[in-house]
Amino acid sequence: MAEPHRCLSCSKPISWSFAICRKCETIYGSRPSHWPDWLAYLWREEQRERRRNRRINRFEICFSDVYANFVEGNRIDD
């Protein structure tokens, strides 16, 4: 996952797999259960958005795919 990602606290660019940068981790700790409410909320929302995007990417059917199947005479529900 090479998406650009920023620290939820200070907006510094960080790796996609982390919520906050190392500096902010020294301030708030590494466990979301110990973070201030606003930071824990932002992390929950980020995770929710990532799950939503993963579901969309998994189940989305492009119109061009549907049209190609229609032209070829294939039925989608076969």
Protein backbone atom coordinates (compact mmCIF):
# COMPACT_ATOMS: atom_id res chain seq x y z
CA MET A 1 0.00 0.00 0.00
CA ALA A 2 1.97 2.91 -1.30
CA GLU A 3 -0.66 5.54 -0.65
CA PRO A 4 0.55 8.84 0.77
CA HIS A 5 -0.28 9.07 4.42
CA ARG A 6 0.27 11.71 7.08
CA CYS A 7 0.53 11.66 10.84
CA LEU A 8 -2.95 12.22 12.27
CA SER A 9 -1.53 14.57 14.89
CA CYS A 10 1.05 16.77 13.15
CA SER A 11 0.54 15.97 9.41
CA LYS A 12 4.14 14.85 8.87
CA PRO A 13 4.41 12.32 5.98
CA ILE A 14 4.71 8.79 7.39
CA SER A 15 4.34 5.16 6.34
CA TRP A 16 0.82 4.06 5.45
CA SER A 17 0.77 1.42 8.18
CA PHE A 18 1.15 3.89 11.05
CA ALA A 19 -1.30 6.36 12.54
CA ILE A 20 1.16 8.81 14.05
CA CYS A 21 4.83 9.65 13.60
CA ARG A 22 7.58 8.66 16.01
CA LYS A 23 7.69 12.11 17.62
CA CYS A 24 3.95 12.11 18.30
CA GLU A 25 4.21 8.55 19.55
CA THR A 26 6.60 9.74 22.26
CA ILE A 27 3.99 12.31 23.28
CA TYR A 28 0.81 10.20 23.08
CA GLY A 29 2.10 6.64 23.30
CA SER A 30 1.75 3.79 20.84
CA ARG A 31 -1.64 2.47 21.95
CA PRO A 32 -4.80 4.17 20.65
CA SER A 33 -6.55 3.30 23.93
CA HIS A 34 -4.20 5.78 25.68
CA TRP A 35 -4.56 8.56 23.11
CA PRO A 36 -6.72 11.66 23.58
CA ASP A 37 -10.27 11.21 22.33
CA TRP A 38 -9.77 13.39 19.25
CA LEU A 39 -6.74 11.38 18.08
CA ALA A 40 -8.36 8.00 18.73
CA TYR A 41 -11.43 9.21 16.80
CA LEU A 42 -9.30 10.25 13.82
CA TRP A 43 -7.61 6.84 13.79
CA ARG A 44 -10.94 4.98 13.95
CA GLU A 45 -12.24 7.08 11.06
CA GLU A 46 -9.07 6.40 9.05
CA GLN A 47 -9.47 2.66 9.59
CA ARG A 48 -13.15 2.82 8.67
CA GLU A 49 -12.30 4.65 5.44
CA ARG A 50 -9.59 2.10 4.56
CA ARG A 51 -12.01 -0.79 5.11
CA ARG A 52 -14.65 0.94 3.01
CA ASN A 53 -12.20 1.48 0.15
CA ARG A 54 -11.05 -2.14 0.36
CA ARG A 55 -14.67 -3.34 0.09
CA ILE A 56 -15.35 -1.04 -2.84
CA ASN A 57 -12.25 -2.22 -4.68
CA ARG A 58 -13.17 -5.84 -4.07
CA PHE A 59 -16.80 -5.74 -5.17
CA GLU A 60 -17.00 -2.86 -7.64
CA ILE A 61 -18.01 -3.79 -11.17
CA CYS A 62 -16.98 -1.32 -13.85
CA PHE A 63 -19.48 -0.40 -16.53
CA SER A 64 -16.95 -1.36 -19.22
CA ASP A 65 -16.84 -4.92 -17.81
CA VAL A 66 -20.62 -5.18 -17.80
CA TYR A 67 -20.82 -3.82 -21.32
CA ALA A 68 -18.10 -6.21 -22.58
CA ASN A 69 -20.02 -9.17 -21.16
CA PHE A 70 -23.22 -7.90 -22.72
CA VAL A 71 -21.64 -7.50 -26.16
CA GLU A 72 -20.06 -10.96 -25.99
CA GLY A 73 -23.46 -12.45 -25.11
CA ASN A 74 -22.35 -13.59 -21.65
CA ARG A 75 -24.81 -13.24 -18.84
CA ILE A 76 -23.48 -12.04 -15.53
CA ASP A 77 -25.81 -14.26 -13.49
CA ASP A 78 -24.69 -17.51 -15.19
